[in-house]
Amino acid sequence: MFDPRGANGKKVKENTMQLNKVFENITLVCIVLSSVLLVIDNPLYDPDSIEMKIVKYMDLVFTVLFFVEAMIKLIAKGLLVNNLGPI
């Protein structure tokens, strides 16, 4: 039977990556950049302008990055049952 917490399981690799300080710092930088992007975004600007198209594209990129980060944490720590603390 497959044990996801085994020494050769994926869970160990994701847990190592999630606990890595570089991973956490990159996540924090993405949060700050996403917040700056929210300040730049304004509904009064022309939605067809190149700046607003870039803002929309960057918003999509950050959404995907945050989704991937959440999935890594869910895989590493588990959804309902875990022994590593809260998600």
PDB file of N, CA and C in Angstrom:
ATOM      1  N   MET A   1       0.845  -1.186   0.000  1.00  0.00           N
ATOM      2  CA  MET A   1       0.000   0.000   0.000  1.00  0.00           C
ATOM      3  C   MET A   1       0.889   1.248   0.000  1.00  0.00           C
ATOM      4  N   PHE A   2       0.471   2.258  -0.727  1.00  0.00           N
ATOM      5  CA  PHE A   2       1.251   3.490  -0.856  1.00  0.00           C
ATOM      6  C   PHE A   2       1.093   4.367   0.381  1.00  0.00           C
ATOM      7  N   ASP A   3       2.199   4.751   0.970  1.00  0.00           N
ATOM      8  CA  ASP A   3       2.199   5.653   2.122  1.00  0.00           C
ATOM      9  C   ASP A   3       2.709   7.016   1.672  1.00  0.00           C
ATOM     10  N   PRO A   4       1.824   8.044   1.602  1.00  0.00           N
ATOM     11  CA  PRO A   4       2.266   9.358   1.117  1.00  0.00           C
ATOM     12  C   PRO A   4       3.292  10.033   2.009  1.00  0.00           C
ATOM     13  N   ARG A   5       3.438   9.544   3.240  1.00  0.00           N
ATOM     14  CA  ARG A   5       4.422  10.147   4.141  1.00  0.00           C
ATOM     15  C   ARG A   5       5.719   9.349   4.175  1.00  0.00           C
ATOM     16  N   GLY A   6       5.841   8.366   3.284  1.00  0.00           N
ATOM     17  CA  GLY A   6       7.029   7.532   3.242  1.00  0.00           C
ATOM     18  C   GLY A   6       8.246   8.320   2.785  1.00  0.00           C
ATOM     19  N   ALA A   7       9.406   7.738   2.994  1.00  0.00           N
ATOM     20  CA  ALA A   7      10.660   8.417   2.671  1.00  0.00           C
ATOM     21  C   ALA A   7      10.784   8.714   1.182  1.00  0.00           C
ATOM     22  N   ASN A   8      10.160   7.904   0.347  1.00  0.00           N
ATOM     23  CA  ASN A   8      10.259   8.113  -1.086  1.00  0.00           C
ATOM     24  C   ASN A   8       9.016   8.783  -1.662  1.00  0.00           C
ATOM     25  N   GLY A   9       8.077   9.149  -0.832  1.00  0.00           N
ATOM     26  CA  GLY A   9       6.826   9.735  -1.310  1.00  0.00           C
ATOM     27  C   GLY A   9       6.980  11.180  -1.728  1.00  0.00           C
ATOM     28  N   LYS A  10       6.025  11.630  -2.514  1.00  0.00           N
ATOM     29  CA  LYS A  10       6.028  13.032  -2.960  1.00  0.00           C
ATOM     30  C   LYS A  10       5.853  13.983  -1.789  1.00  0.00           C
ATOM     31  N   LYS A  11       5.132  13.536  -0.775  1.00  0.00           N
ATOM     32  CA  LYS A  11       4.833  14.419   0.345  1.00  0.00           C
ATOM     33  C   LYS A  11       6.109  14.953   0.993  1.00  0.00           C
ATOM     34  N   VAL A  12       7.128  14.167   1.079  1.00  0.00           N
ATOM     35  CA  VAL A  12       8.392  14.600   1.687  1.00  0.00           C
ATOM     36  C   VAL A  12       9.021  15.703   0.847  1.00  0.00           C
ATOM     37  N   LYS A  13       8.997  15.543  -0.475  1.00  0.00           N
ATOM     38  CA  LYS A  13       9.582  16.554  -1.359  1.00  0.00           C
ATOM     39  C   LYS A  13       8.825  17.870  -1.284  1.00  0.00           C
ATOM     40  N   GLU A  14       7.489  17.810  -1.331  1.00  0.00           N
ATOM     41  CA  GLU A  14       6.701  19.043  -1.251  1.00  0.00           C
ATOM     42  C   GLU A  14       6.853  19.699   0.108  1.00  0.00           C
ATOM     43  N   ASN A  15       6.945  18.891   1.157  1.00  0.00           N
ATOM     44  CA  ASN A  15       7.109  19.440   2.492  1.00  0.00           C
ATOM     45  C   ASN A  15       8.435  20.163   2.613  1.00  0.00           C
ATOM     46  N   THR A  16       9.481  19.598   2.046  1.00  0.00           N
ATOM     47  CA  THR A  16      10.797  20.237   2.071  1.00  0.00           C
ATOM     48  C   THR A  16      10.762  21.556   1.324  1.00  0.00           C
ATOM     49  N   MET A  17      10.109  21.562   0.157  1.00  0.00           N
ATOM     50  CA  MET A  17      10.031  22.795  -0.622  1.00  0.00           C
ATOM     51  C   MET A  17       9.186  23.843   0.092  1.00  0.00           C
ATOM     52  N   GLN A  18       8.088  23.429   0.690  1.00  0.00           N
ATOM     53  CA  GLN A  18       7.203  24.371   1.360  1.00  0.00           C
ATOM     54  C   GLN A  18       7.882  24.998   2.561  1.00  0.00           C
ATOM     55  N   LEU A  19       8.693  24.244   3.253  1.00  0.00           N
ATOM     56  CA  LEU A  19       9.359  24.764   4.439  1.00  0.00           C
ATOM     57  C   LEU A  19      10.623  25.548   4.103  1.00  0.00           C
ATOM     58  N   ASN A  20      11.023  25.507   2.875  1.00  0.00           N
ATOM     59  CA  ASN A  20      12.225  26.197   2.448  1.00  0.00           C
ATOM     60  C   ASN A  20      12.022  27.718   2.550  1.00  0.00           C
ATOM     61  N   LYS A  21      12.976  28.406   3.112  1.00  0.00           N
ATOM     62  CA  LYS A  21      12.869  29.863   3.293  1.00  0.00           C
ATOM     63  C   LYS A  21      12.829  30.604   1.962  1.00  0.00           C
ATOM     64  N   VAL A  22      13.494  30.087   0.949  1.00  0.00           N
ATOM     65  CA  VAL A  22      13.474  30.740  -0.362  1.00  0.00           C
ATOM     66  C   VAL A  22      12.055  30.716  -0.923  1.00  0.00           C
ATOM     67  N   PHE A  23      11.395  29.581  -0.790  1.00  0.00           N
ATOM     68  CA  PHE A  23      10.006  29.450  -1.246  1.00  0.00           C
ATOM     69  C   PHE A  23       9.112  30.458  -0.527  1.00  0.00           C
ATOM     70  N   GLU A  24       9.284  30.591   0.774  1.00  0.00           N
ATOM     71  CA  GLU A  24       8.489  31.544   1.546  1.00  0.00           C
ATOM     72  C   GLU A  24       8.781  32.984   1.123  1.00  0.00           C
ATOM     73  N   ASN A  25      10.046  33.308   0.887  1.00  0.00           N
ATOM     74  CA  ASN A  25      10.404  34.666   0.486  1.00  0.00           C
ATOM     75  C   ASN A  25       9.864  35.008  -0.897  1.00  0.00           C
ATOM     76  N   ILE A  26       9.922  34.053  -1.807  1.00  0.00           N
ATOM     77  CA  ILE A  26       9.352  34.290  -3.141  1.00  0.00           C
ATOM     78  C   ILE A  26       7.856  34.523  -3.036  1.00  0.00           C
ATOM     79  N   THR A  27       7.192  33.764  -2.177  1.00  0.00           N
ATOM     80  CA  THR A  27       5.756  33.952  -1.968  1.00  0.00           C
ATOM     81  C   THR A  27       5.471  35.346  -1.416  1.00  0.00           C
ATOM     82  N   LEU A  28       6.270  35.796  -0.472  1.00  0.00           N
ATOM     83  CA  LEU A  28       6.064  37.136   0.093  1.00  0.00           C
ATOM     84  C   LEU A  28       6.302  38.230  -0.947  1.00  0.00           C
ATOM     85  N   VAL A  29       7.296  38.070  -1.781  1.00  0.00           N
ATOM     86  CA  VAL A  29       7.548  39.047  -2.851  1.00  0.00           C
ATOM     87  C   VAL A  29       6.361  39.086  -3.815  1.00  0.00           C
ATOM     88  N   CYS A  30       5.820  37.923  -4.141  1.00  0.00           N
ATOM     89  CA  CYS A  30       4.643  37.880  -5.026  1.00  0.00           C
ATOM     90  C   CYS A  30       3.444  38.578  -4.388  1.00  0.00           C
ATOM     91  N   ILE A  31       3.275  38.419  -3.086  1.00  0.00           N
ATOM     92  CA  ILE A  31       2.172  39.090  -2.392  1.00  0.00           C
ATOM     93  C   ILE A  31       2.349  40.605  -2.456  1.00  0.00           C
ATOM     94  N   VAL A  32       3.566  41.075  -2.223  1.00  0.00           N
ATOM     95  CA  VAL A  32       3.827  42.516  -2.272  1.00  0.00           C
ATOM     96  C   VAL A  32       3.603  43.057  -3.684  1.00  0.00           C
ATOM     97  N   LEU A  33       4.119  42.365  -4.689  1.00  0.00           N
ATOM     98  CA  LEU A  33       3.935  42.811  -6.076  1.00  0.00           C
ATOM     99  C   LEU A  33       2.466  42.791  -6.479  1.00  0.00           C
ATOM    100  N   SER A  34       1.744  41.793  -6.029  1.00  0.00           N
ATOM    101  CA  SER A  34       0.313  41.734  -6.325  1.00  0.00           C
ATOM    102  C   SER A  34      -0.430  42.895  -5.663  1.00  0.00           C
ATOM    103  N   SER A  35      -0.018  43.253  -4.461  1.00  0.00           N
ATOM    104  CA  SER A  35      -0.638  44.395  -3.771  1.00  0.00           C
ATOM    105  C   SER A  35      -0.350  45.703  -4.498  1.00  0.00           C
ATOM    106  N   VAL A  36       0.875  45.861  -4.985  1.00  0.00           N
ATOM    107  CA  VAL A  36       1.220  47.053  -5.764  1.00  0.00           C
ATOM    108  C   VAL A  36       0.391  47.097  -7.040  1.00  0.00           C
ATOM    109  N   LEU A  37       0.182  45.947  -7.635  1.00  0.00           N
ATOM    110  CA  LEU A  37      -0.634  45.863  -8.841  1.00  0.00           C
ATOM    111  C   LEU A  37      -2.078  46.295  -8.568  1.00  0.00           C
ATOM    112  N   LEU A  38      -2.582  45.967  -7.389  1.00  0.00           N
ATOM    113  CA  LEU A  38      -3.931  46.394  -7.018  1.00  0.00           C
ATOM    114  C   LEU A  38      -4.028  47.918  -6.895  1.00  0.00           C
ATOM    115  N   VAL A  39      -2.952  48.536  -6.436  1.00  0.00           N
ATOM    116  CA  VAL A  39      -2.928  49.997  -6.323  1.00  0.00           C
ATOM    117  C   VAL A  39      -2.923  50.638  -7.708  1.00  0.00           C
ATOM    118  N   ILE A  40      -2.203  50.032  -8.634  1.00  0.00           N
ATOM    119  CA  ILE A  40      -2.106  50.577  -9.989  1.00  0.00           C
ATOM    120  C   ILE A  40      -3.423  50.440 -10.739  1.00  0.00           C
ATOM    121  N   ASP A  41      -4.124  49.332 -10.502  1.00  0.00           N
ATOM    122  CA  ASP A  41      -5.375  49.067 -11.219  1.00  0.00           C
ATOM    123  C   ASP A  41      -6.431  50.112 -10.841  1.00  0.00           C
ATOM    124  N   ASN A  42      -7.074  50.671 -11.845  1.00  0.00           N
ATOM    125  CA  ASN A  42      -8.089  51.699 -11.635  1.00  0.00           C
ATOM    126  C   ASN A  42      -9.191  51.495 -12.666  1.00  0.00           C
ATOM    127  N   PRO A  43     -10.447  51.403 -12.244  1.00  0.00           N
ATOM    128  CA  PRO A  43     -11.533  51.179 -13.198  1.00  0.00           C
ATOM    129  C   PRO A  43     -11.783  52.372 -14.131  1.00  0.00           C
ATOM    130  N   LEU A  44     -11.212  53.516 -13.815  1.00  0.00           N
ATOM    131  CA  LEU A  44     -11.423  54.693 -14.662  1.00  0.00           C
ATOM    132  C   LEU A  44     -10.460  54.736 -15.845  1.00  0.00           C
ATOM    133  N   TYR A  45      -9.398  53.923 -15.798  1.00  0.00           N
ATOM    134  CA  TYR A  45      -8.457  53.875 -16.916  1.00  0.00           C
ATOM    135  C   TYR A  45      -9.081  53.151 -18.102  1.00  0.00           C
ATOM    136  N   ASP A  46      -8.587  53.462 -19.275  1.00  0.00           N
ATOM    137  CA  ASP A  46      -9.067  52.810 -20.490  1.00  0.00           C
ATOM    138  C   ASP A  46      -8.680  51.324 -20.459  1.00  0.00           C
ATOM    139  N   PRO A  47      -9.669  50.418 -20.500  1.00  0.00           N
ATOM    140  CA  PRO A  47      -9.337  48.992 -20.416  1.00  0.00           C
ATOM    141  C   PRO A  47      -8.572  48.466 -21.632  1.00  0.00           C
ATOM    142  N   ASP A  48      -8.580  49.208 -22.738  1.00  0.00           N
ATOM    143  CA  ASP A  48      -7.872  48.778 -23.933  1.00  0.00           C
ATOM    144  C   ASP A  48      -6.445  49.316 -24.009  1.00  0.00           C
ATOM    145  N   SER A  49      -6.055  50.103 -23.029  1.00  0.00           N
ATOM    146  CA  SER A  49      -4.689  50.642 -23.041  1.00  0.00           C
ATOM    147  C   SER A  49      -3.690  49.532 -22.740  1.00  0.00           C
ATOM    148  N   ILE A  50      -2.479  49.736 -23.180  1.00  0.00           N
ATOM    149  CA  ILE A  50      -1.432  48.728 -23.001  1.00  0.00           C
ATOM    150  C   ILE A  50      -1.128  48.505 -21.523  1.00  0.00           C
ATOM    151  N   GLU A  51      -1.204  49.557 -20.717  1.00  0.00           N
ATOM    152  CA  GLU A  51      -0.934  49.427 -19.285  1.00  0.00           C
ATOM    153  C   GLU A  51      -1.953  48.527 -18.609  1.00  0.00           C
ATOM    154  N   MET A  52      -3.222  48.701 -18.941  1.00  0.00           N
ATOM    155  CA  MET A  52      -4.266  47.885 -18.325  1.00  0.00           C
ATOM    156  C   MET A  52      -4.216  46.440 -18.820  1.00  0.00           C
ATOM    157  N   LYS A  53      -3.789  46.241 -20.052  1.00  0.00           N
ATOM    158  CA  LYS A  53      -3.623  44.874 -20.548  1.00  0.00           C
ATOM    159  C   LYS A  53      -2.494  44.170 -19.799  1.00  0.00           C
ATOM    160  N   ILE A  54      -1.427  44.910 -19.517  1.00  0.00           N
ATOM    161  CA  ILE A  54      -0.320  44.348 -18.739  1.00  0.00           C
ATOM    162  C   ILE A  54      -0.777  44.034 -17.320  1.00  0.00           C
ATOM    163  N   VAL A  55      -1.559  44.931 -16.723  1.00  0.00           N
ATOM    164  CA  VAL A  55      -2.068  44.715 -15.366  1.00  0.00           C
ATOM    165  C   VAL A  55      -2.951  43.464 -15.332  1.00  0.00           C
ATOM    166  N   LYS A  56      -3.814  43.295 -16.317  1.00  0.00           N
ATOM    167  CA  LYS A  56      -4.676  42.109 -16.361  1.00  0.00           C
ATOM    168  C   LYS A  56      -3.852  40.832 -16.517  1.00  0.00           C
ATOM    169  N   TYR A  57      -2.827  40.882 -17.379  1.00  0.00           N
ATOM    170  CA  TYR A  57      -1.970  39.723 -17.585  1.00  0.00           C
ATOM    171  C   TYR A  57      -1.213  39.376 -16.300  1.00  0.00           C
ATOM    172  N   MET A  58      -0.661  40.375 -15.640  1.00  0.00           N
ATOM    173  CA  MET A  58       0.082  40.148 -14.403  1.00  0.00           C
ATOM    174  C   MET A  58      -0.841  39.622 -13.302  1.00  0.00           C
ATOM    175  N   ASP A  59      -2.080  40.100 -13.269  1.00  0.00           N
ATOM    176  CA  ASP A  59      -3.047  39.606 -12.304  1.00  0.00           C
ATOM    177  C   ASP A  59      -3.304  38.114 -12.527  1.00  0.00           C
ATOM    178  N   LEU A  60      -3.413  37.714 -13.774  1.00  0.00           N
ATOM    179  CA  LEU A  60      -3.593  36.299 -14.099  1.00  0.00           C
ATOM    180  C   LEU A  60      -2.371  35.479 -13.673  1.00  0.00           C
ATOM    181  N   VAL A  61      -1.181  36.004 -13.917  1.00  0.00           N
ATOM    182  CA  VAL A  61       0.050  35.310 -13.534  1.00  0.00           C
ATOM    183  C   VAL A  61       0.098  35.118 -12.021  1.00  0.00           C
ATOM    184  N   PHE A  62      -0.217  36.156 -11.253  1.00  0.00           N
ATOM    185  CA  PHE A  62      -0.184  36.041  -9.799  1.00  0.00           C
ATOM    186  C   PHE A  62      -1.254  35.077  -9.298  1.00  0.00           C
ATOM    187  N   THR A  63      -2.411  35.072  -9.928  1.00  0.00           N
ATOM    188  CA  THR A  63      -3.460  34.135  -9.537  1.00  0.00           C
ATOM    189  C   THR A  63      -2.982  32.697  -9.711  1.00  0.00           C
ATOM    190  N   VAL A  64      -2.337  32.408 -10.828  1.00  0.00           N
ATOM    191  CA  VAL A  64      -1.817  31.057 -11.068  1.00  0.00           C
ATOM    192  C   VAL A  64      -0.711  30.724 -10.059  1.00  0.00           C
ATOM    193  N   LEU A  65       0.177  31.672  -9.796  1.00  0.00           N
ATOM    194  CA  LEU A  65       1.252  31.423  -8.827  1.00  0.00           C
ATOM    195  C   LEU A  65       0.704  31.149  -7.426  1.00  0.00           C
ATOM    196  N   PHE A  66      -0.308  31.908  -7.004  1.00  0.00           N
ATOM    197  CA  PHE A  66      -0.896  31.695  -5.684  1.00  0.00           C
ATOM    198  C   PHE A  66      -1.635  30.360  -5.622  1.00  0.00           C
ATOM    199  N   PHE A  67      -2.261  29.959  -6.735  1.00  0.00           N
ATOM    200  CA  PHE A  67      -2.925  28.658  -6.783  1.00  0.00           C
ATOM    201  C   PHE A  67      -1.898  27.531  -6.642  1.00  0.00           C
ATOM    202  N   VAL A  68      -0.793  27.637  -7.352  1.00  0.00           N
ATOM    203  CA  VAL A  68       0.262  26.617  -7.277  1.00  0.00           C
ATOM    204  C   VAL A  68       0.835  26.558  -5.862  1.00  0.00           C
ATOM    205  N   GLU A  69       1.046  27.711  -5.253  1.00  0.00           N
ATOM    206  CA  GLU A  69       1.559  27.754  -3.889  1.00  0.00           C
ATOM    207  C   GLU A  69       0.589  27.078  -2.922  1.00  0.00           C
ATOM    208  N   ALA A  70      -0.698  27.329  -3.083  1.00  0.00           N
ATOM    209  CA  ALA A  70      -1.703  26.707  -2.214  1.00  0.00           C
ATOM    210  C   ALA A  70      -1.733  25.191  -2.411  1.00  0.00           C
ATOM    211  N   MET A  71      -1.609  24.745  -3.651  1.00  0.00           N
ATOM    212  CA  MET A  71      -1.606  23.304  -3.918  1.00  0.00           C
ATOM    213  C   MET A  71      -0.374  22.628  -3.315  1.00  0.00           C
ATOM    214  N   ILE A  72       0.773  23.280  -3.405  1.00  0.00           N
ATOM    215  CA  ILE A  72       1.992  22.719  -2.797  1.00  0.00           C
ATOM    216  C   ILE A  72       1.815  22.583  -1.293  1.00  0.00           C
ATOM    217  N   LYS A  73       1.237  23.594  -0.667  1.00  0.00           N
ATOM    218  CA  LYS A  73       1.020  23.529   0.779  1.00  0.00           C
ATOM    219  C   LYS A  73       0.005  22.461   1.144  1.00  0.00           C
ATOM    220  N   LEU A  74      -1.054  22.322   0.343  1.00  0.00           N
ATOM    221  CA  LEU A  74      -2.045  21.283   0.626  1.00  0.00           C
ATOM    222  C   LEU A  74      -1.456  19.889   0.474  1.00  0.00           C
ATOM    223  N   ILE A  75      -0.641  19.695  -0.528  1.00  0.00           N
ATOM    224  CA  ILE A  75      -0.003  18.392  -0.721  1.00  0.00           C
ATOM    225  C   ILE A  75       0.995  18.126   0.398  1.00  0.00           C
ATOM    226  N   ALA A  76       1.755  19.141   0.767  1.00  0.00           N
ATOM    227  CA  ALA A  76       2.800  18.960   1.776  1.00  0.00           C
ATOM    228  C   ALA A  76       2.225  18.736   3.166  1.00  0.00           C
ATOM    229  N   LYS A  77       1.213  19.491   3.520  1.00  0.00           N
ATOM    230  CA  LYS A  77       0.684  19.416   4.879  1.00  0.00           C
ATOM    231  C   LYS A  77      -0.556  18.544   5.001  1.00  0.00           C
ATOM    232  N   GLY A  78      -1.236  18.286   3.913  1.00  0.00           N
ATOM    233  CA  GLY A  78      -2.480  17.532   3.970  1.00  0.00           C
ATOM    234  C   GLY A  78      -3.646  18.486   4.119  1.00  0.00           C
ATOM    235  N   LEU A  79      -4.815  18.027   3.699  1.00  0.00           N
ATOM    236  CA  LEU A  79      -5.993  18.895   3.733  1.00  0.00           C
ATOM    237  C   LEU A  79      -6.693  18.849   5.084  1.00  0.00           C
ATOM    238  N   LEU A  80      -7.037  17.663   5.525  1.00  0.00           N
ATOM    239  CA  LEU A  80      -7.796  17.545   6.764  1.00  0.00           C
ATOM    240  C   LEU A  80      -6.973  16.992   7.920  1.00  0.00           C
ATOM    241  N   VAL A  81      -6.155  16.003   7.636  1.00  0.00           N
ATOM    242  CA  VAL A  81      -5.365  15.359   8.670  1.00  0.00           C
ATOM    243  C   VAL A  81      -3.898  15.639   8.425  1.00  0.00           C
ATOM    244  N   ASN A  82      -3.249  16.296   9.357  1.00  0.00           N
ATOM    245  CA  ASN A  82      -1.820  16.530   9.232  1.00  0.00           C
ATOM    246  C   ASN A  82      -1.209  16.633  10.622  1.00  0.00           C
ATOM    247  N   ASN A  83       0.082  16.487  10.671  1.00  0.00           N
ATOM    248  CA  ASN A  83       0.787  16.597  11.943  1.00  0.00           C
ATOM    249  C   ASN A  83       1.800  17.743  11.909  1.00  0.00           C
ATOM    250  N   LEU A  84       1.634  18.660  10.961  1.00  0.00           N
ATOM    251  CA  LEU A  84       2.589  19.751  10.808  1.00  0.00           C
ATOM    252  C   LEU A  84       2.032  21.107  11.215  1.00  0.00           C
ATOM    253  N   GLY A  85       0.826  21.159  11.725  1.00  0.00           N
ATOM    254  CA  GLY A  85       0.231  22.422  12.123  1.00  0.00           C
ATOM    255  C   GLY A  85      -0.772  22.913  11.106  1.00  0.00           C
ATOM    256  N   PRO A  86      -1.357  24.058  11.362  1.00  0.00           N
ATOM    257  CA  PRO A  86      -2.399  24.569  10.459  1.00  0.00           C
ATOM    258  C   PRO A  86      -1.844  24.967   9.102  1.00  0.00           C
ATOM    259  N   ILE A  87      -2.709  24.915   8.107  1.00  0.00           N
ATOM    260  CA  ILE A  87      -2.330  25.281   6.743  1.00  0.00           C
ATOM    261  C   ILE A  87      -2.114  26.761   6.704  1.00  0.00           C
TER     262      ILE A  87
END
